[in-house]
Amino acid sequence: MNGTRQAGTGKVAEEFPREPETARAARRLVESALEFWHLTALTDDAELVISELVANAVRHTKGPQITVSVDLIAEQRVRLGVTDGSRAMPHLHRPRLVTSEAVGSPWSTP
């Protein structure tokens, strides 16, 4: 693991190995950021979403690393992200993102 943990700036990002066990570390990263920003009411939903995003990245990407990010984008809103080194656009796999869409906004790409 390496990356930046700068919750005071409104952004937290950390690089992890692309493996199933990363979901646990990603949940801890999200929980820590939300606690710092006093947004603990979002923790359960955010942990569910980040777990789903990490699982998708582990399953559908090929690189050895993924980056998990949490961005404070408004007073009570955060953006959760999981990226890999690929330039390929992600494909929407409807059955796998139902949970994420139920508790969050539609995903986006940079």
N, C-alpha and C. Protein backbone atom coordinates (compact mmCIF):
# COMPACT_ATOMS: atom_id res chain seq x y z
N MET A 1 0.84 -1.19 0.00
CA MET A 1 0.00 0.00 0.00
C MET A 1 0.88 1.24 0.00
N ASN A 2 0.48 2.19 -0.79
CA ASN A 2 1.10 3.50 -0.70
C ASN A 2 0.15 4.50 -1.30
N GLY A 3 0.37 5.75 -1.04
CA GLY A 3 -0.51 6.77 -1.56
C GLY A 3 -0.57 7.96 -0.64
N THR A 4 -1.60 8.73 -0.81
CA THR A 4 -1.75 9.92 0.00
C THR A 4 -2.97 9.80 0.88
N ARG A 5 -2.80 10.10 2.13
CA ARG A 5 -3.91 10.16 3.07
C ARG A 5 -3.98 11.60 3.55
N GLN A 6 -4.68 12.41 2.82
CA GLN A 6 -4.76 13.82 3.13
C GLN A 6 -6.21 14.23 3.33
N ALA A 7 -6.84 13.67 4.35
CA ALA A 7 -8.25 13.95 4.60
C ALA A 7 -8.49 15.44 4.82
N GLY A 8 -7.51 16.15 5.34
CA GLY A 8 -7.66 17.59 5.57
C GLY A 8 -7.82 18.39 4.30
N THR A 9 -7.41 17.83 3.17
CA THR A 9 -7.53 18.53 1.89
C THR A 9 -8.82 18.18 1.16
N GLY A 10 -9.59 17.26 1.70
CA GLY A 10 -10.80 16.83 1.02
C GLY A 10 -10.56 15.71 0.03
N LYS A 11 -9.37 15.13 0.06
CA LYS A 11 -9.06 14.01 -0.85
C LYS A 11 -8.18 13.00 -0.13
N VAL A 12 -8.57 11.75 -0.28
CA VAL A 12 -7.78 10.64 0.24
C VAL A 12 -7.65 9.63 -0.88
N ALA A 13 -6.44 9.19 -1.15
CA ALA A 13 -6.23 8.18 -2.19
C ALA A 13 -5.09 7.27 -1.74
N GLU A 14 -5.26 6.01 -2.06
CA GLU A 14 -4.22 5.05 -1.71
C GLU A 14 -4.17 3.95 -2.76
N GLU A 15 -2.97 3.51 -3.07
CA GLU A 15 -2.76 2.45 -4.04
C GLU A 15 -2.69 1.11 -3.30
N PHE A 16 -3.36 0.11 -3.86
CA PHE A 16 -3.40 -1.22 -3.26
C PHE A 16 -3.12 -2.27 -4.32
N PRO A 17 -2.70 -3.47 -3.88
CA PRO A 17 -2.58 -4.57 -4.83
C PRO A 17 -3.98 -4.98 -5.31
N ARG A 18 -4.06 -5.42 -6.55
CA ARG A 18 -5.34 -5.83 -7.12
C ARG A 18 -5.62 -7.27 -6.69
N GLU A 19 -6.20 -7.38 -5.49
CA GLU A 19 -6.55 -8.69 -4.95
C GLU A 19 -7.79 -8.57 -4.06
N PRO A 20 -8.53 -9.63 -3.88
CA PRO A 20 -9.78 -9.56 -3.12
C PRO A 20 -9.63 -8.98 -1.72
N GLU A 21 -8.51 -9.23 -1.07
CA GLU A 21 -8.31 -8.75 0.30
C GLU A 21 -8.24 -7.22 0.38
N THR A 22 -8.07 -6.57 -0.75
CA THR A 22 -8.01 -5.11 -0.79
C THR A 22 -9.33 -4.48 -0.36
N ALA A 23 -10.43 -5.18 -0.53
CA ALA A 23 -11.73 -4.62 -0.15
C ALA A 23 -11.75 -4.21 1.32
N ARG A 24 -11.17 -5.02 2.18
CA ARG A 24 -11.13 -4.70 3.62
C ARG A 24 -10.34 -3.43 3.86
N ALA A 25 -9.17 -3.31 3.25
CA ALA A 25 -8.34 -2.11 3.43
C ALA A 25 -9.04 -0.87 2.85
N ALA A 26 -9.73 -1.05 1.74
CA ALA A 26 -10.46 0.07 1.13
C ALA A 26 -11.59 0.55 2.05
N ARG A 27 -12.29 -0.38 2.68
CA ARG A 27 -13.34 0.01 3.63
C ARG A 27 -12.76 0.80 4.80
N ARG A 28 -11.60 0.38 5.28
CA ARG A 28 -10.95 1.12 6.38
C ARG A 28 -10.55 2.52 5.94
N LEU A 29 -10.06 2.65 4.72
CA LEU A 29 -9.70 3.96 4.18
C LEU A 29 -10.92 4.87 4.12
N VAL A 30 -12.02 4.35 3.61
CA VAL A 30 -13.26 5.13 3.51
C VAL A 30 -13.76 5.51 4.90
N GLU A 31 -13.79 4.55 5.80
CA GLU A 31 -14.25 4.82 7.17
C GLU A 31 -13.43 5.91 7.84
N SER A 32 -12.13 5.84 7.67
CA SER A 32 -11.23 6.83 8.27
C SER A 32 -11.48 8.23 7.72
N ALA A 33 -11.63 8.33 6.40
CA ALA A 33 -11.88 9.64 5.78
C ALA A 33 -13.21 10.21 6.24
N LEU A 34 -14.25 9.38 6.25
CA LEU A 34 -15.58 9.87 6.66
C LEU A 34 -15.59 10.28 8.13
N GLU A 35 -14.87 9.57 8.94
CA GLU A 35 -14.77 9.94 10.35
C GLU A 35 -14.08 11.29 10.50
N PHE A 36 -13.00 11.50 9.76
CA PHE A 36 -12.27 12.76 9.81
C PHE A 36 -13.16 13.93 9.39
N TRP A 37 -14.00 13.70 8.37
CA TRP A 37 -14.87 14.76 7.85
C TRP A 37 -16.21 14.83 8.58
N HIS A 38 -16.36 14.06 9.66
CA HIS A 38 -17.60 14.04 10.46
C HIS A 38 -18.80 13.64 9.61
N LEU A 39 -18.61 12.66 8.77
CA LEU A 39 -19.68 12.16 7.90
C LEU A 39 -19.95 10.67 8.17
N THR A 40 -19.89 10.29 9.43
CA THR A 40 -20.04 8.87 9.76
C THR A 40 -21.40 8.30 9.38
N ALA A 41 -22.41 9.15 9.20
CA ALA A 41 -23.72 8.65 8.76
C ALA A 41 -23.65 8.02 7.37
N LEU A 42 -22.62 8.35 6.60
CA LEU A 42 -22.46 7.79 5.25
C LEU A 42 -21.66 6.50 5.23
N THR A 43 -21.10 6.11 6.37
CA THR A 43 -20.13 5.01 6.40
C THR A 43 -20.67 3.70 5.87
N ASP A 44 -21.82 3.24 6.33
CA ASP A 44 -22.32 1.93 5.90
C ASP A 44 -22.52 1.87 4.39
N ASP A 45 -23.19 2.89 3.83
CA ASP A 45 -23.42 2.90 2.39
C ASP A 45 -22.10 3.03 1.62
N ALA A 46 -21.21 3.87 2.09
CA ALA A 46 -19.94 4.08 1.41
C ALA A 46 -19.09 2.82 1.43
N GLU A 47 -19.08 2.11 2.54
CA GLU A 47 -18.32 0.86 2.61
C GLU A 47 -18.90 -0.19 1.66
N LEU A 48 -20.21 -0.23 1.55
CA LEU A 48 -20.85 -1.16 0.62
C LEU A 48 -20.45 -0.84 -0.82
N VAL A 49 -20.50 0.43 -1.17
CA VAL A 49 -20.16 0.85 -2.54
C VAL A 49 -18.69 0.58 -2.84
N ILE A 50 -17.79 0.94 -1.92
CA ILE A 50 -16.36 0.75 -2.21
C ILE A 50 -16.03 -0.73 -2.30
N SER A 51 -16.69 -1.57 -1.52
CA SER A 51 -16.47 -3.01 -1.62
C SER A 51 -16.86 -3.52 -3.00
N GLU A 52 -17.99 -3.04 -3.49
CA GLU A 52 -18.47 -3.44 -4.82
C GLU A 52 -17.51 -2.95 -5.91
N LEU A 53 -17.06 -1.72 -5.79
CA LEU A 53 -16.14 -1.17 -6.79
C LEU A 53 -14.80 -1.92 -6.80
N VAL A 54 -14.28 -2.23 -5.62
CA VAL A 54 -13.03 -2.98 -5.55
C VAL A 54 -13.22 -4.38 -6.14
N ALA A 55 -14.32 -5.03 -5.80
CA ALA A 55 -14.58 -6.37 -6.35
C ALA A 55 -14.63 -6.32 -7.88
N ASN A 56 -15.27 -5.30 -8.43
CA ASN A 56 -15.32 -5.16 -9.89
C ASN A 56 -13.93 -4.95 -10.48
N ALA A 57 -13.13 -4.12 -9.83
CA ALA A 57 -11.77 -3.87 -10.33
C ALA A 57 -10.92 -5.14 -10.27
N VAL A 58 -11.04 -5.87 -9.18
CA VAL A 58 -10.26 -7.11 -9.05
C VAL A 58 -10.68 -8.10 -10.13
N ARG A 59 -11.95 -8.16 -10.40
CA ARG A 59 -12.47 -9.13 -11.36
C ARG A 59 -12.21 -8.74 -12.81
N HIS A 60 -12.28 -7.44 -13.13
CA HIS A 60 -12.30 -7.03 -14.53
C HIS A 60 -11.05 -6.30 -15.03
N THR A 61 -10.10 -6.03 -14.18
CA THR A 61 -8.89 -5.35 -14.65
C THR A 61 -7.72 -6.33 -14.67
N LYS A 62 -6.64 -5.92 -15.29
CA LYS A 62 -5.51 -6.82 -15.45
C LYS A 62 -4.24 -6.36 -14.72
N GLY A 63 -4.13 -5.08 -14.43
CA GLY A 63 -2.91 -4.56 -13.81
C GLY A 63 -2.72 -5.04 -12.39
N PRO A 64 -1.53 -4.87 -11.85
CA PRO A 64 -1.24 -5.36 -10.50
C PRO A 64 -1.75 -4.44 -9.39
N GLN A 65 -2.08 -3.20 -9.71
CA GLN A 65 -2.45 -2.22 -8.69
C GLN A 65 -3.79 -1.56 -9.03
N ILE A 66 -4.49 -1.13 -7.99
CA ILE A 66 -5.66 -0.27 -8.15
C ILE A 66 -5.51 0.88 -7.16
N THR A 67 -6.13 1.99 -7.47
CA THR A 67 -6.11 3.14 -6.57
C THR A 67 -7.53 3.40 -6.09
N VAL A 68 -7.67 3.49 -4.79
CA VAL A 68 -8.95 3.77 -4.15
C VAL A 68 -8.91 5.22 -3.71
N SER A 69 -9.96 5.98 -4.05
CA SER A 69 -9.99 7.39 -3.67
C SER A 69 -11.33 7.76 -3.04
N VAL A 70 -11.25 8.72 -2.13
CA VAL A 70 -12.43 9.29 -1.48
C VAL A 70 -12.26 10.80 -1.56
N ASP A 71 -13.20 11.47 -2.20
CA ASP A 71 -13.14 12.92 -2.37
C ASP A 71 -14.34 13.57 -1.71
N LEU A 72 -14.09 14.56 -0.89
CA LEU A 72 -15.16 15.36 -0.31
C LEU A 72 -15.53 16.40 -1.36
N ILE A 73 -16.74 16.28 -1.94
CA ILE A 73 -17.09 17.16 -3.06
C ILE A 73 -18.12 18.21 -2.69
N ALA A 74 -18.76 18.07 -1.55
CA ALA A 74 -19.71 19.05 -1.05
C ALA A 74 -19.85 18.80 0.45
N GLU A 75 -20.62 19.62 1.10
CA GLU A 75 -20.74 19.53 2.55
C GLU A 75 -21.12 18.14 3.05
N GLN A 76 -22.03 17.48 2.41
CA GLN A 76 -22.48 16.15 2.83
C GLN A 76 -22.36 15.12 1.71
N ARG A 77 -21.43 15.35 0.78
CA ARG A 77 -21.28 14.44 -0.37
C ARG A 77 -19.83 14.04 -0.57
N VAL A 78 -19.65 12.78 -0.88
CA VAL A 78 -18.32 12.27 -1.21
C VAL A 78 -18.39 11.53 -2.54
N ARG A 79 -17.26 11.47 -3.20
CA ARG A 79 -17.13 10.66 -4.41
C ARG A 79 -16.16 9.54 -4.09
N LEU A 80 -16.57 8.31 -4.36
CA LEU A 80 -15.73 7.14 -4.15
C LEU A 80 -15.24 6.68 -5.51
N GLY A 81 -13.99 6.30 -5.59
CA GLY A 81 -13.46 5.86 -6.87
C GLY A 81 -12.47 4.72 -6.73
N VAL A 82 -12.42 3.90 -7.75
CA VAL A 82 -11.41 2.86 -7.88
C VAL A 82 -10.92 2.93 -9.31
N THR A 83 -9.64 3.13 -9.48
CA THR A 83 -9.06 3.22 -10.82
C THR A 83 -7.92 2.23 -10.97
N ASP A 84 -7.64 1.92 -12.23
CA ASP A 84 -6.49 1.08 -12.55
C ASP A 84 -5.67 1.83 -13.59
N GLY A 85 -4.62 1.25 -14.06
CA GLY A 85 -3.76 1.92 -15.02
C GLY A 85 -4.24 1.86 -16.46
N SER A 86 -5.34 1.21 -16.71
CA SER A 86 -5.82 1.02 -18.07
C SER A 86 -6.43 2.29 -18.64
N ARG A 87 -6.27 2.48 -19.94
CA ARG A 87 -6.90 3.60 -20.63
C ARG A 87 -8.26 3.19 -21.22
N ALA A 88 -8.58 1.91 -21.13
CA ALA A 88 -9.85 1.41 -21.67
C ALA A 88 -11.01 1.91 -20.82
N MET A 89 -12.10 2.25 -21.48
CA MET A 89 -13.30 2.68 -20.77
C MET A 89 -13.95 1.48 -20.09
N PRO A 90 -14.48 1.67 -18.90
CA PRO A 90 -15.15 0.54 -18.24
C PRO A 90 -16.45 0.21 -18.96
N HIS A 91 -16.84 -1.04 -18.85
CA HIS A 91 -18.11 -1.50 -19.41
C HIS A 91 -19.10 -1.62 -18.27
N LEU A 92 -20.29 -1.13 -18.48
CA LEU A 92 -21.33 -1.22 -17.46
C LEU A 92 -21.88 -2.63 -17.43
N HIS A 93 -21.68 -3.31 -16.33
CA HIS A 93 -22.22 -4.66 -16.11
C HIS A 93 -23.40 -4.48 -15.18
N ARG A 94 -24.55 -4.28 -15.72
CA ARG A 94 -25.75 -3.92 -14.97
C ARG A 94 -25.95 -4.72 -13.68
N PRO A 95 -25.89 -6.05 -13.70
CA PRO A 95 -26.17 -6.78 -12.46
C PRO A 95 -25.17 -6.49 -11.34
N ARG A 96 -23.93 -6.15 -11.67
CA ARG A 96 -22.92 -5.93 -10.64
C ARG A 96 -23.01 -4.53 -10.03
N LEU A 97 -23.62 -3.55 -10.70
CA LEU A 97 -23.66 -2.19 -10.18
C LEU A 97 -24.99 -1.80 -9.57
N VAL A 98 -25.91 -2.72 -9.49
CA VAL A 98 -27.21 -2.40 -8.93
C VAL A 98 -27.07 -1.90 -7.50
N THR A 99 -26.27 -2.55 -6.69
CA THR A 99 -26.07 -2.14 -5.31
C THR A 99 -25.48 -0.74 -5.24
N SER A 100 -24.46 -0.48 -6.04
CA SER A 100 -23.81 0.83 -6.03
C SER A 100 -24.79 1.92 -6.44
N GLU A 101 -25.60 1.66 -7.45
CA GLU A 101 -26.55 2.66 -7.92
C GLU A 101 -27.66 2.89 -6.91
N ALA A 102 -27.99 1.88 -6.12
CA ALA A 102 -29.06 2.02 -5.14
C ALA A 102 -28.70 3.00 -4.03
N VAL A 103 -27.42 3.09 -3.69
CA VAL A 103 -27.01 3.96 -2.59
C VAL A 103 -26.17 5.15 -3.03
N GLY A 104 -25.84 5.23 -4.30
CA GLY A 104 -25.00 6.32 -4.78
C GLY A 104 -25.47 6.85 -6.12
N SER A 105 -24.76 7.81 -6.62
CA SER A 105 -25.04 8.38 -7.93
C SER A 105 -24.39 7.51 -9.00
N PRO A 106 -24.82 7.63 -10.26
CA PRO A 106 -24.19 6.86 -11.32
C PRO A 106 -22.69 7.10 -11.38
N TRP A 107 -21.95 6.10 -11.78
CA TRP A 107 -20.48 6.22 -11.84
C TRP A 107 -20.10 7.12 -13.00
N SER A 108 -18.89 7.60 -12.91
CA SER A 108 -18.36 8.45 -13.98
C SER A 108 -16.91 8.12 -14.19
N THR A 109 -16.37 8.61 -15.28
CA THR A 109 -14.96 8.45 -15.57
C THR A 109 -14.36 9.83 -15.73
N PRO A 110 -13.05 9.96 -15.50
CA PRO A 110 -12.42 11.28 -15.61
C PRO A 110 -12.45 11.82 -17.02
